[in-house]
Amino acid sequence: MRGFLLAIVLFGCIISLAAPFSVGILITGEIGGNAIYELVQQGAQRAAGDAIEIRIVEGGYNQSKWEPLLLSMAATAKYDLLMTFTEGMPASVAKVARAFPNQKFTLLDGIVPEPLANVYSVAFKDDEMTFLAGVLAGMITSSGIGGTNPEKTVGLIAGDTYPAMINTMKPAYEAGVKSIEPEATVLFGIVGSWSDPTRGRELASRQYEGMADIILVIAGGSGMGSIEEAAGRGRYVITVDSNALAMKPGVILASFLKHIDLLVYETIIKAGEGSLPFGSNSRVGISEGMIDYTRDDPLFIKYVPEEIREKMFQWYESIKNGGLPAF
């Protein structure tokens, strides 16, 4: 009888050891048409395998549903790790993590400032990305290339108001522009939605009428309207997150890239190995290989003058090796 019980225990241990590491991913939005979440999906799929199983839940664009969804996923006790995203989720992650102290959580592209033993969060150095975009915008508006005017004006269009945009990204973009053209004017507009291309086009029209030569668009699906407006006027756009140059060659001059696919992959793998530093947070940027731009893309090389490309790379290397200048 004792031997039989021992066999049962050993069998249970074997089954337990063989069980895959389960990851639940809550998308704060929808994957289709959203470049950043398409990258998240790619990173998760790369991590999935016999030892790791992934389930992705799309939370949609109604923010009031995100916290209840995260809560319900935690309540199932099915997941070894729950992952979610953005600056809109730190308070919700902290609240749910306190309610389920045995559940592990990761927040990517956002920081949970309160140290919780079951939470790890990591954000991008968005100021590096937008400062470098500002450097390019400043050089374009000063270049005299076709489509520019003498006014030295650039634009920035945001999908919505949120702390990272107002406190970090917008100031860094303005500083990047003015590091090249100190007297430049930087126009700023907020769509109020990540999925309103009509409004995105209206704001772009207003900025181009205000003599902007080039606009940095950080507006999700709303940015599609801004890009169409730029194409119709023979003006320029800078995009973020993924490489969009082929969408409108010669209109989208550069894309500044967040390698969130790599961050998702590495975070899941480290969590599965037990090496993720829960109870802490971190920030990643150019020096960590998580932020870059389309410097090697043939369309960037074709449409951006060589002198500007060379100076851009010098700025990129400077930030990579020494961080951002004070501003």
C-alpha atoms as a PDB file:
ATOM      1  CA  MET A   1       0.000   0.000   0.000  1.00  0.00           C
ATOM      2  CA  ARG A   2       2.840   2.357   0.941  1.00  0.00           C
ATOM      3  CA  GLY A   3       4.525   1.649  -2.391  1.00  0.00           C
ATOM      4  CA  PHE A   4       1.313   2.382  -4.261  1.00  0.00           C
ATOM      5  CA  LEU A   5       0.938   5.738  -2.502  1.00  0.00           C
ATOM      6  CA  LEU A   6       4.556   6.600  -3.267  1.00  0.00           C
ATOM      7  CA  ALA A   7       3.963   5.808  -6.923  1.00  0.00           C
ATOM      8  CA  ILE A   8       0.930   8.109  -6.957  1.00  0.00           C
ATOM      9  CA  VAL A   9       2.945  10.922  -5.387  1.00  0.00           C
ATOM     10  CA  LEU A  10       5.800  10.458  -7.866  1.00  0.00           C
ATOM     11  CA  PHE A  11       3.362  10.399 -10.769  1.00  0.00           C
ATOM     12  CA  GLY A  12       1.826  13.649  -9.534  1.00  0.00           C
ATOM     13  CA  CYS A  13       5.266  15.219  -9.311  1.00  0.00           C
ATOM     14  CA  ILE A  14       6.086  14.171 -12.872  1.00  0.00           C
ATOM     15  CA  ILE A  15       2.815  15.638 -14.159  1.00  0.00           C
ATOM     16  CA  SER A  16       3.504  18.850 -12.251  1.00  0.00           C
ATOM     17  CA  LEU A  17       7.018  19.105 -13.670  1.00  0.00           C
ATOM     18  CA  ALA A  18       5.711  18.501 -17.176  1.00  0.00           C
ATOM     19  CA  ALA A  19       3.012  21.193 -16.973  1.00  0.00           C
ATOM     20  CA  PRO A  20       3.857  24.134 -19.239  1.00  0.00           C
ATOM     21  CA  PHE A  21       4.476  27.613 -17.868  1.00  0.00           C
ATOM     22  CA  SER A  22       1.177  29.426 -18.451  1.00  0.00           C
ATOM     23  CA  VAL A  23       1.083  33.100 -19.454  1.00  0.00           C
ATOM     24  CA  GLY A  24      -2.080  35.197 -19.708  1.00  0.00           C
ATOM     25  CA  ILE A  25      -1.676  38.407 -21.716  1.00  0.00           C
ATOM     26  CA  LEU A  26      -4.220  41.220 -21.434  1.00  0.00           C
ATOM     27  CA  ILE A  27      -4.063  43.550 -24.432  1.00  0.00           C
ATOM     28  CA  THR A  28      -5.281  47.028 -23.478  1.00  0.00           C
ATOM     29  CA  GLY A  29      -6.851  47.564 -26.878  1.00  0.00           C
ATOM     30  CA  GLU A  30      -7.104  45.392 -29.979  1.00  0.00           C
ATOM     31  CA  ILE A  31      -4.397  43.692 -32.011  1.00  0.00           C
ATOM     32  CA  GLY A  32      -5.708  44.295 -35.535  1.00  0.00           C
ATOM     33  CA  GLY A  33      -4.483  47.611 -36.945  1.00  0.00           C
ATOM     34  CA  ASN A  34      -2.415  48.408 -33.853  1.00  0.00           C
ATOM     35  CA  ALA A  35       1.289  48.137 -34.671  1.00  0.00           C
ATOM     36  CA  ILE A  36       2.451  47.877 -31.071  1.00  0.00           C
ATOM     37  CA  TYR A  37       0.062  45.025 -30.215  1.00  0.00           C
ATOM     38  CA  GLU A  38       0.845  43.186 -33.413  1.00  0.00           C
ATOM     39  CA  LEU A  39       4.451  43.214 -32.190  1.00  0.00           C
ATOM     40  CA  VAL A  40       3.319  42.019 -28.745  1.00  0.00           C
ATOM     41  CA  GLN A  41       1.549  39.092 -30.406  1.00  0.00           C
ATOM     42  CA  GLN A  42       4.657  38.256 -32.428  1.00  0.00           C
ATOM     43  CA  GLY A  43       6.857  38.274 -29.322  1.00  0.00           C
ATOM     44  CA  ALA A  44       4.420  36.076 -27.408  1.00  0.00           C
ATOM     45  CA  GLN A  45       4.121  33.606 -30.275  1.00  0.00           C
ATOM     46  CA  ARG A  46       7.898  33.383 -30.467  1.00  0.00           C
ATOM     47  CA  ALA A  47       8.046  32.480 -26.763  1.00  0.00           C
ATOM     48  CA  ALA A  48       5.268  29.877 -26.990  1.00  0.00           C
ATOM     49  CA  GLY A  49       6.198  26.223 -27.194  1.00  0.00           C
ATOM     50  CA  ASP A  50       5.973  22.914 -25.375  1.00  0.00           C
ATOM     51  CA  ALA A  51       7.257  24.495 -22.167  1.00  0.00           C
ATOM     52  CA  ILE A  52       5.286  27.760 -22.407  1.00  0.00           C
ATOM     53  CA  GLU A  53       1.625  28.249 -23.248  1.00  0.00           C
ATOM     54  CA  ILE A  54       0.164  31.641 -24.086  1.00  0.00           C
ATOM     55  CA  ARG A  55      -3.377  32.982 -23.970  1.00  0.00           C
ATOM     56  CA  ILE A  56      -4.037  36.496 -25.283  1.00  0.00           C
ATOM     57  CA  VAL A  57      -7.140  38.437 -24.262  1.00  0.00           C
ATOM     58  CA  GLU A  58      -8.030  41.628 -26.167  1.00  0.00           C
ATOM     59  CA  GLY A  59      -9.478  44.168 -23.748  1.00  0.00           C
ATOM     60  CA  GLY A  60     -10.817  46.577 -26.378  1.00  0.00           C
ATOM     61  CA  TYR A  61     -10.728  50.365 -26.154  1.00  0.00           C
ATOM     62  CA  ASN A  62     -13.133  50.824 -23.244  1.00  0.00           C
ATOM     63  CA  GLN A  63     -10.632  51.483 -20.457  1.00  0.00           C
ATOM     64  CA  SER A  64     -13.202  50.803 -17.737  1.00  0.00           C
ATOM     65  CA  LYS A  65     -13.097  47.100 -18.716  1.00  0.00           C
ATOM     66  CA  TRP A  66      -9.348  46.590 -18.376  1.00  0.00           C
ATOM     67  CA  GLU A  67      -9.102  46.302 -14.600  1.00  0.00           C
ATOM     68  CA  PRO A  68     -12.111  43.927 -14.270  1.00  0.00           C
ATOM     69  CA  LEU A  69     -10.616  41.728 -17.006  1.00  0.00           C
ATOM     70  CA  LEU A  70      -7.255  41.582 -15.232  1.00  0.00           C
ATOM     71  CA  LEU A  71      -9.061  40.802 -11.988  1.00  0.00           C
ATOM     72  CA  SER A  72     -11.055  37.978 -13.557  1.00  0.00           C
ATOM     73  CA  MET A  73      -7.917  36.483 -15.134  1.00  0.00           C
ATOM     74  CA  ALA A  74      -6.156  36.534 -11.766  1.00  0.00           C
ATOM     75  CA  ALA A  75      -9.189  34.975 -10.049  1.00  0.00           C
ATOM     76  CA  THR A  76      -9.013  31.898 -12.290  1.00  0.00           C
ATOM     77  CA  ALA A  77      -5.610  30.953 -10.802  1.00  0.00           C
ATOM     78  CA  LYS A  78      -4.793  29.409 -14.211  1.00  0.00           C
ATOM     79  CA  TYR A  79      -1.717  31.463 -14.995  1.00  0.00           C
ATOM     80  CA  ASP A  80       1.836  31.404 -13.734  1.00  0.00           C
ATOM     81  CA  LEU A  81       2.236  34.921 -15.114  1.00  0.00           C
ATOM     82  CA  LEU A  82      -0.174  37.689 -16.067  1.00  0.00           C
ATOM     83  CA  MET A  83       1.136  40.365 -18.452  1.00  0.00           C
ATOM     84  CA  THR A  84      -0.425  43.668 -19.459  1.00  0.00           C
ATOM     85  CA  PHE A  85       0.652  47.026 -20.880  1.00  0.00           C
ATOM     86  CA  THR A  86       0.738  50.838 -20.944  1.00  0.00           C
ATOM     87  CA  GLU A  87       0.930  53.857 -18.661  1.00  0.00           C
ATOM     88  CA  GLY A  88      -2.803  53.517 -18.077  1.00  0.00           C
ATOM     89  CA  MET A  89      -2.451  50.315 -16.021  1.00  0.00           C
ATOM     90  CA  PRO A  90      -0.047  50.813 -13.059  1.00  0.00           C
ATOM     91  CA  ALA A  91      -2.784  51.537 -10.507  1.00  0.00           C
ATOM     92  CA  SER A  92      -4.892  48.604 -11.718  1.00  0.00           C
ATOM     93  CA  VAL A  93      -1.952  46.194 -11.704  1.00  0.00           C
ATOM     94  CA  ALA A  94      -1.008  47.254  -8.171  1.00  0.00           C
ATOM     95  CA  LYS A  95      -4.611  46.886  -6.965  1.00  0.00           C
ATOM     96  CA  VAL A  96      -5.105  43.408  -8.441  1.00  0.00           C
ATOM     97  CA  ALA A  97      -1.617  42.290  -7.371  1.00  0.00           C
ATOM     98  CA  ARG A  98      -2.382  43.216  -3.756  1.00  0.00           C
ATOM     99  CA  ALA A  99      -5.639  41.230  -3.961  1.00  0.00           C
ATOM    100  CA  PHE A 100      -3.807  38.158  -5.360  1.00  0.00           C
ATOM    101  CA  PRO A 101      -0.369  38.088  -3.681  1.00  0.00           C
ATOM    102  CA  ASN A 102       0.410  34.587  -4.986  1.00  0.00           C
ATOM    103  CA  GLN A 103      -0.143  35.607  -8.624  1.00  0.00           C
ATOM    104  CA  LYS A 104       2.834  36.978 -10.577  1.00  0.00           C
ATOM    105  CA  PHE A 105       2.281  40.087 -12.750  1.00  0.00           C
ATOM    106  CA  THR A 106       4.321  42.007 -15.317  1.00  0.00           C
ATOM    107  CA  LEU A 107       3.515  45.443 -16.693  1.00  0.00           C
ATOM    108  CA  LEU A 108       5.309  46.416 -19.902  1.00  0.00           C
ATOM    109  CA  ASP A 109       5.507  49.933 -21.356  1.00  0.00           C
ATOM    110  CA  GLY A 110       4.554  51.309 -17.958  1.00  0.00           C
ATOM    111  CA  ILE A 111       5.919  51.481 -14.406  1.00  0.00           C
ATOM    112  CA  VAL A 112       4.358  50.375 -11.117  1.00  0.00           C
ATOM    113  CA  PRO A 113       6.270  52.669  -8.730  1.00  0.00           C
ATOM    114  CA  GLU A 114       5.178  50.823  -5.586  1.00  0.00           C
ATOM    115  CA  PRO A 115       7.483  47.826  -4.951  1.00  0.00           C
ATOM    116  CA  LEU A 116       5.298  44.718  -4.796  1.00  0.00           C
ATOM    117  CA  ALA A 117       6.858  41.284  -4.382  1.00  0.00           C
ATOM    118  CA  ASN A 118       4.696  39.756  -7.134  1.00  0.00           C
ATOM    119  CA  VAL A 119       5.062  42.545  -9.731  1.00  0.00           C
ATOM    120  CA  TYR A 120       7.772  43.400 -12.248  1.00  0.00           C
ATOM    121  CA  SER A 121       7.344  46.418 -14.518  1.00  0.00           C
ATOM    122  CA  VAL A 122       9.474  47.809 -17.324  1.00  0.00           C
ATOM    123  CA  ALA A 123       9.031  50.953 -19.407  1.00  0.00           C
ATOM    124  CA  PHE A 124      10.727  52.262 -22.510  1.00  0.00           C
ATOM    125  CA  LYS A 125      12.881  55.352 -22.395  1.00  0.00           C
ATOM    126  CA  ASP A 126      10.330  57.238 -24.465  1.00  0.00           C
ATOM    127  CA  ASP A 127      12.297  60.449 -24.077  1.00  0.00           C
ATOM    128  CA  GLU A 128      15.171  58.917 -26.073  1.00  0.00           C
ATOM    129  CA  MET A 129      12.798  57.950 -28.872  1.00  0.00           C
ATOM    130  CA  THR A 130      11.037  61.310 -29.144  1.00  0.00           C
ATOM    131  CA  PHE A 131      14.203  63.380 -28.639  1.00  0.00           C
ATOM    132  CA  LEU A 132      15.788  61.598 -31.594  1.00  0.00           C
ATOM    133  CA  ALA A 133      12.601  62.095 -33.629  1.00  0.00           C
ATOM    134  CA  GLY A 134      12.803  65.787 -32.743  1.00  0.00           C
ATOM    135  CA  VAL A 135      16.382  65.920 -33.993  1.00  0.00           C
ATOM    136  CA  LEU A 136      15.233  64.552 -37.353  1.00  0.00           C
ATOM    137  CA  ALA A 137      12.260  66.948 -37.492  1.00  0.00           C
ATOM    138  CA  GLY A 138      14.556  69.875 -36.731  1.00  0.00           C
ATOM    139  CA  MET A 139      16.958  68.898 -39.491  1.00  0.00           C
ATOM    140  CA  ILE A 140      14.160  68.404 -42.026  1.00  0.00           C
ATOM    141  CA  THR A 141      12.522  71.766 -41.325  1.00  0.00           C
ATOM    142  CA  SER A 142      15.934  73.441 -41.700  1.00  0.00           C
ATOM    143  CA  SER A 143      16.967  71.498 -44.797  1.00  0.00           C
ATOM    144  CA  GLY A 144      15.177  73.299 -47.611  1.00  0.00           C
ATOM    145  CA  ILE A 145      14.251  70.008 -49.280  1.00  0.00           C
ATOM    146  CA  GLY A 146      11.112  69.859 -51.418  1.00  0.00           C
ATOM    147  CA  GLY A 147       7.929  70.138 -49.372  1.00  0.00           C
ATOM    148  CA  THR A 148       9.472  72.372 -46.689  1.00  0.00           C
ATOM    149  CA  ASN A 149       9.015  76.113 -46.218  1.00  0.00           C
ATOM    150  CA  PRO A 150      11.121  78.883 -44.617  1.00  0.00           C
ATOM    151  CA  GLU A 151       9.081  79.035 -41.405  1.00  0.00           C
ATOM    152  CA  LYS A 152      10.962  76.366 -39.382  1.00  0.00           C
ATOM    153  CA  THR A 153       7.818  74.755 -37.964  1.00  0.00           C
ATOM    154  CA  VAL A 154       7.155  71.126 -37.027  1.00  0.00           C
ATOM    155  CA  GLY A 155       4.259  69.274 -35.404  1.00  0.00           C
ATOM    156  CA  LEU A 156       3.360  66.553 -32.921  1.00  0.00           C
ATOM    157  CA  ILE A 157       0.019  64.732 -32.844  1.00  0.00           C
ATOM    158  CA  ALA A 158      -0.869  62.503 -29.866  1.00  0.00           C
ATOM    159  CA  GLY A 159      -3.696  60.001 -29.655  1.00  0.00           C
ATOM    160  CA  ASP A 160      -4.690  61.118 -26.174  1.00  0.00           C
ATOM    161  CA  THR A 161      -3.532  62.892 -23.025  1.00  0.00           C
ATOM    162  CA  TYR A 162      -1.493  60.691 -20.678  1.00  0.00           C
ATOM    163  CA  PRO A 163       1.420  61.334 -18.284  1.00  0.00           C
ATOM    164  CA  ALA A 164       4.182  59.874 -20.463  1.00  0.00           C
ATOM    165  CA  MET A 165       3.141  62.087 -23.383  1.00  0.00           C
ATOM    166  CA  ILE A 166       2.772  65.349 -21.477  1.00  0.00           C
ATOM    167  CA  ASN A 167       5.627  64.915 -18.994  1.00  0.00           C
ATOM    168  CA  THR A 168       8.183  62.990 -21.049  1.00  0.00           C
ATOM    169  CA  MET A 169       7.584  62.548 -24.772  1.00  0.00           C
ATOM    170  CA  LYS A 170       6.426  66.032 -25.757  1.00  0.00           C
ATOM    171  CA  PRO A 171       9.194  67.871 -23.837  1.00  0.00           C
ATOM    172  CA  ALA A 172      11.848  65.526 -25.245  1.00  0.00           C
ATOM    173  CA  TYR A 173      10.565  66.011 -28.802  1.00  0.00           C
ATOM    174  CA  GLU A 174      10.627  69.785 -28.388  1.00  0.00           C
ATOM    175  CA  ALA A 175      14.156  69.590 -26.959  1.00  0.00           C
ATOM    176  CA  GLY A 176      15.312  67.477 -29.894  1.00  0.00           C
ATOM    177  CA  VAL A 177      13.875  69.943 -32.400  1.00  0.00           C
ATOM    178  CA  LYS A 178      15.433  72.932 -30.664  1.00  0.00           C
ATOM    179  CA  SER A 179      18.819  71.242 -30.363  1.00  0.00           C
ATOM    180  CA  ILE A 180      18.947  71.654 -34.153  1.00  0.00           C
ATOM    181  CA  GLU A 181      16.803  74.743 -34.725  1.00  0.00           C
ATOM    182  CA  PRO A 182      16.542  76.808 -31.495  1.00  0.00           C
ATOM    183  CA  GLU A 183      13.940  79.193 -32.929  1.00  0.00           C
ATOM    184  CA  ALA A 184      11.675  76.476 -34.343  1.00  0.00           C
ATOM    185  CA  THR A 185       7.968  76.390 -33.527  1.00  0.00           C
ATOM    186  CA  VAL A 186       6.503  73.060 -32.357  1.00  0.00           C
ATOM    187  CA  LEU A 187       2.750  72.668 -32.871  1.00  0.00           C
ATOM    188  CA  PHE A 188       0.892  70.170 -30.680  1.00  0.00           C
ATOM    189  CA  GLY A 189      -2.495  68.490 -31.051  1.00  0.00           C
ATOM    190  CA  ILE A 190      -4.427  65.745 -29.247  1.00  0.00           C
ATOM    191  CA  VAL A 191      -6.893  63.552 -31.143  1.00  0.00           C
ATOM    192  CA  GLY A 192      -8.710  62.306 -28.042  1.00  0.00           C
ATOM    193  CA  SER A 193      -8.906  58.791 -29.485  1.00  0.00           C
ATOM    194  CA  TRP A 194      -6.562  56.106 -30.797  1.00  0.00           C
ATOM    195  CA  SER A 195      -9.038  55.076 -33.485  1.00  0.00           C
ATOM    196  CA  ASP A 196     -10.336  58.257 -35.172  1.00  0.00           C
ATOM    197  CA  PRO A 197      -8.464  58.789 -38.462  1.00  0.00           C
ATOM    198  CA  THR A 198     -10.868  61.576 -39.491  1.00  0.00           C
ATOM    199  CA  ARG A 199      -9.916  63.633 -36.461  1.00  0.00           C
ATOM    200  CA  GLY A 200      -6.264  62.710 -37.011  1.00  0.00           C
ATOM    201  CA  ARG A 201      -6.498  64.107 -40.528  1.00  0.00           C
ATOM    202  CA  GLU A 202      -8.156  67.298 -39.292  1.00  0.00           C
ATOM    203  CA  LEU A 203      -5.383  67.943 -36.791  1.00  0.00           C
ATOM    204  CA  ALA A 204      -2.702  67.292 -39.396  1.00  0.00           C
ATOM    205  CA  SER A 205      -4.443  69.666 -41.796  1.00  0.00           C
ATOM    206  CA  ARG A 206      -4.455  72.354 -39.111  1.00  0.00           C
ATOM    207  CA  GLN A 207      -0.744  71.888 -38.423  1.00  0.00           C
ATOM    208  CA  TYR A 208       0.218  71.871 -42.083  1.00  0.00           C
ATOM    209  CA  GLU A 209      -1.861  75.024 -42.571  1.00  0.00           C
ATOM    210  CA  GLY A 210       0.193  76.390 -39.678  1.00  0.00           C
ATOM    211  CA  MET A 211       3.284  75.802 -41.835  1.00  0.00           C
ATOM    212  CA  ALA A 212       4.519  72.544 -40.267  1.00  0.00           C
ATOM    213  CA  ASP A 213       6.910  70.750 -42.591  1.00  0.00           C
ATOM    214  CA  ILE A 214       6.873  67.442 -40.743  1.00  0.00           C
ATOM    215  CA  ILE A 215       4.744  65.909 -37.961  1.00  0.00           C
ATOM    216  CA  LEU A 216       5.610  63.235 -35.434  1.00  0.00           C
ATOM    217  CA  VAL A 217       2.471  61.093 -35.140  1.00  0.00           C
ATOM    218  CA  ILE A 218       1.935  59.033 -31.955  1.00  0.00           C
ATOM    219  CA  ALA A 219      -1.757  58.334 -32.352  1.00  0.00           C
ATOM    220  CA  GLY A 220      -2.402  54.675 -33.167  1.00  0.00           C
ATOM    221  CA  GLY A 221      -5.097  54.203 -35.803  1.00  0.00           C
ATOM    222  CA  SER A 222      -5.907  57.924 -35.710  1.00  0.00           C
ATOM    223  CA  GLY A 223      -2.507  58.539 -37.252  1.00  0.00           C
ATOM    224  CA  MET A 224      -3.616  56.983 -40.531  1.00  0.00           C
ATOM    225  CA  GLY A 225      -5.595  60.124 -41.254  1.00  0.00           C
ATOM    226  CA  SER A 226      -2.567  62.303 -40.505  1.00  0.00           C
ATOM    227  CA  ILE A 227      -0.458  60.281 -42.922  1.00  0.00           C
ATOM    228  CA  GLU A 228      -3.069  60.611 -45.678  1.00  0.00           C
ATOM    229  CA  GLU A 229      -3.186  64.363 -45.138  1.00  0.00           C
ATOM    230  CA  ALA A 230       0.599  64.599 -45.397  1.00  0.00           C
ATOM    231  CA  ALA A 231       0.553  62.621 -48.641  1.00  0.00           C
ATOM    232  CA  GLY A 232      -2.105  64.910 -50.124  1.00  0.00           C
ATOM    233  CA  ARG A 233      -0.100  68.011 -49.306  1.00  0.00           C
ATOM    234  CA  GLY A 234       3.370  66.759 -50.213  1.00  0.00           C
ATOM    235  CA  ARG A 235       4.507  67.114 -46.582  1.00  0.00           C
ATOM    236  CA  TYR A 236       6.215  64.702 -44.223  1.00  0.00           C
ATOM    237  CA  VAL A 237       5.477  62.434 -41.263  1.00  0.00           C
ATOM    238  CA  ILE A 238       7.467  60.531 -38.652  1.00  0.00           C
ATOM    239  CA  THR A 239       5.854  57.430 -37.107  1.00  0.00           C
ATOM    240  CA  VAL A 240       6.623  55.258 -34.083  1.00  0.00           C
ATOM    241  CA  ASP A 241       6.484  51.647 -32.868  1.00  0.00           C
ATOM    242  CA  SER A 242       6.958  49.647 -36.095  1.00  0.00           C
ATOM    243  CA  ASN A 243       8.455  50.271 -39.536  1.00  0.00           C
ATOM    244  CA  ALA A 244       5.769  52.009 -41.609  1.00  0.00           C
ATOM    245  CA  LEU A 245       7.971  53.461 -44.370  1.00  0.00           C
ATOM    246  CA  ALA A 246       6.573  51.211 -47.097  1.00  0.00           C
ATOM    247  CA  MET A 247       3.051  52.450 -46.342  1.00  0.00           C
ATOM    248  CA  LYS A 248       3.780  55.893 -47.836  1.00  0.00           C
ATOM    249  CA  PRO A 249       7.329  56.004 -49.253  1.00  0.00           C
ATOM    250  CA  GLY A 250       8.714  59.505 -49.308  1.00  0.00           C
ATOM    251  CA  VAL A 251       5.967  60.778 -47.004  1.00  0.00           C
ATOM    252  CA  ILE A 252       6.850  58.769 -43.899  1.00  0.00           C
ATOM    253  CA  LEU A 253      10.532  59.667 -43.715  1.00  0.00           C
ATOM    254  CA  ALA A 254      11.403  57.580 -40.649  1.00  0.00           C
ATOM    255  CA  SER A 255       9.876  55.285 -38.069  1.00  0.00           C
ATOM    256  CA  PHE A 256      11.190  55.199 -34.513  1.00  0.00           C
ATOM    257  CA  LEU A 257      10.982  51.670 -33.228  1.00  0.00           C
ATOM    258  CA  LYS A 258      10.086  50.152 -29.877  1.00  0.00           C
ATOM    259  CA  HIS A 259      11.184  46.526 -29.919  1.00  0.00           C
ATOM    260  CA  ILE A 260       8.337  45.469 -27.659  1.00  0.00           C
ATOM    261  CA  ASP A 261       8.248  42.096 -29.430  1.00  0.00           C
ATOM    262  CA  LEU A 262      11.738  41.419 -28.087  1.00  0.00           C
ATOM    263  CA  LEU A 263      10.811  42.775 -24.650  1.00  0.00           C
ATOM    264  CA  VAL A 264       7.731  40.521 -24.468  1.00  0.00           C
ATOM    265  CA  TYR A 265       9.753  37.496 -25.553  1.00  0.00           C
ATOM    266  CA  GLU A 266      12.615  38.105 -23.109  1.00  0.00           C
ATOM    267  CA  THR A 267      10.239  38.851 -20.214  1.00  0.00           C
ATOM    268  CA  ILE A 268       8.285  35.612 -20.725  1.00  0.00           C
ATOM    269  CA  ILE A 269      11.439  33.520 -21.075  1.00  0.00           C
ATOM    270  CA  LYS A 270      13.012  35.013 -17.932  1.00  0.00           C
ATOM    271  CA  ALA A 271       9.782  34.538 -15.980  1.00  0.00           C
ATOM    272  CA  GLY A 272       9.634  30.903 -17.076  1.00  0.00           C
ATOM    273  CA  GLU A 273      13.242  30.411 -15.975  1.00  0.00           C
ATOM    274  CA  GLY A 274      12.545  32.065 -12.629  1.00  0.00           C
ATOM    275  CA  SER A 275      15.034  34.894 -13.248  1.00  0.00           C
ATOM    276  CA  LEU A 276      12.667  37.870 -13.579  1.00  0.00           C
ATOM    277  CA  PRO A 277      13.332  40.361 -10.740  1.00  0.00           C
ATOM    278  CA  PHE A 278       9.859  40.663  -9.239  1.00  0.00           C
ATOM    279  CA  GLY A 279       9.516  43.479  -6.739  1.00  0.00           C
ATOM    280  CA  SER A 280      11.389  45.905  -9.003  1.00  0.00           C
ATOM    281  CA  ASN A 281      11.033  48.001 -12.145  1.00  0.00           C
ATOM    282  CA  SER A 282      13.361  49.146 -14.911  1.00  0.00           C
ATOM    283  CA  ARG A 283      13.583  51.257 -18.062  1.00  0.00           C
ATOM    284  CA  VAL A 284      15.036  50.203 -21.409  1.00  0.00           C
ATOM    285  CA  GLY A 285      16.102  52.239 -24.393  1.00  0.00           C
ATOM    286  CA  ILE A 286      18.740  52.623 -27.079  1.00  0.00           C
ATOM    287  CA  SER A 287      21.666  51.202 -25.091  1.00  0.00           C
ATOM    288  CA  GLU A 288      19.625  48.079 -24.235  1.00  0.00           C
ATOM    289  CA  GLY A 289      18.735  47.513 -27.908  1.00  0.00           C
ATOM    290  CA  MET A 290      15.037  48.209 -27.302  1.00  0.00           C
ATOM    291  CA  ILE A 291      14.716  51.552 -29.141  1.00  0.00           C
ATOM    292  CA  ASP A 292      16.007  52.185 -32.658  1.00  0.00           C
ATOM    293  CA  TYR A 293      14.988  53.817 -35.936  1.00  0.00           C
ATOM    294  CA  THR A 294      14.800  52.789 -39.581  1.00  0.00           C
ATOM    295  CA  ARG A 295      18.383  53.826 -40.330  1.00  0.00           C
ATOM    296  CA  ASP A 296      19.103  50.826 -42.593  1.00  0.00           C
ATOM    297  CA  ASP A 297      15.826  50.827 -44.514  1.00  0.00           C
ATOM    298  CA  PRO A 298      16.348  51.492 -48.256  1.00  0.00           C
ATOM    299  CA  LEU A 299      13.422  53.957 -48.236  1.00  0.00           C
ATOM    300  CA  PHE A 300      15.017  55.983 -45.422  1.00  0.00           C
ATOM    301  CA  ILE A 301      18.278  55.999 -47.357  1.00  0.00           C
ATOM    302  CA  LYS A 302      16.474  57.002 -50.567  1.00  0.00           C
ATOM    303  CA  TYR A 303      14.369  59.877 -49.251  1.00  0.00           C
ATOM    304  CA  VAL A 304      16.448  61.364 -46.415  1.00  0.00           C
ATOM    305  CA  PRO A 305      19.528  63.311 -47.562  1.00  0.00           C
ATOM    306  CA  GLU A 306      22.858  61.711 -46.713  1.00  0.00           C
ATOM    307  CA  GLU A 307      24.032  64.614 -44.559  1.00  0.00           C
ATOM    308  CA  ILE A 308      20.941  64.297 -42.365  1.00  0.00           C
ATOM    309  CA  ARG A 309      21.315  60.512 -42.149  1.00  0.00           C
ATOM    310  CA  GLU A 310      24.921  60.866 -41.007  1.00  0.00           C
ATOM    311  CA  LYS A 311      24.066  63.450 -38.348  1.00  0.00           C
ATOM    312  CA  MET A 312      21.144  61.331 -37.165  1.00  0.00           C
ATOM    313  CA  PHE A 313      23.429  58.369 -36.654  1.00  0.00           C
ATOM    314  CA  GLN A 314      25.886  60.521 -34.711  1.00  0.00           C
ATOM    315  CA  TRP A 315      23.068  61.572 -32.381  1.00  0.00           C
ATOM    316  CA  TYR A 316      21.927  57.962 -32.055  1.00  0.00           C
ATOM    317  CA  GLU A 317      25.435  56.797 -31.097  1.00  0.00           C
ATOM    318  CA  SER A 318      25.834  59.690 -28.674  1.00  0.00           C
ATOM    319  CA  ILE A 319      22.615  58.779 -26.835  1.00  0.00           C
ATOM    320  CA  LYS A 320      23.496  55.084 -26.933  1.00  0.00           C
ATOM    321  CA  ASN A 321      26.866  55.672 -25.304  1.00  0.00           C
ATOM    322  CA  GLY A 322      26.168  58.635 -23.042  1.00  0.00           C
ATOM    323  CA  GLY A 323      22.440  59.104 -22.647  1.00  0.00           C
ATOM    324  CA  LEU A 324      20.377  62.166 -23.451  1.00  0.00           C
ATOM    325  CA  PRO A 325      21.805  65.682 -23.141  1.00  0.00           C
ATOM    326  CA  ALA A 326      20.295  67.826 -20.396  1.00  0.00           C
ATOM    327  CA  PHE A 327      17.226  69.821 -21.403  1.00  0.00           C
END
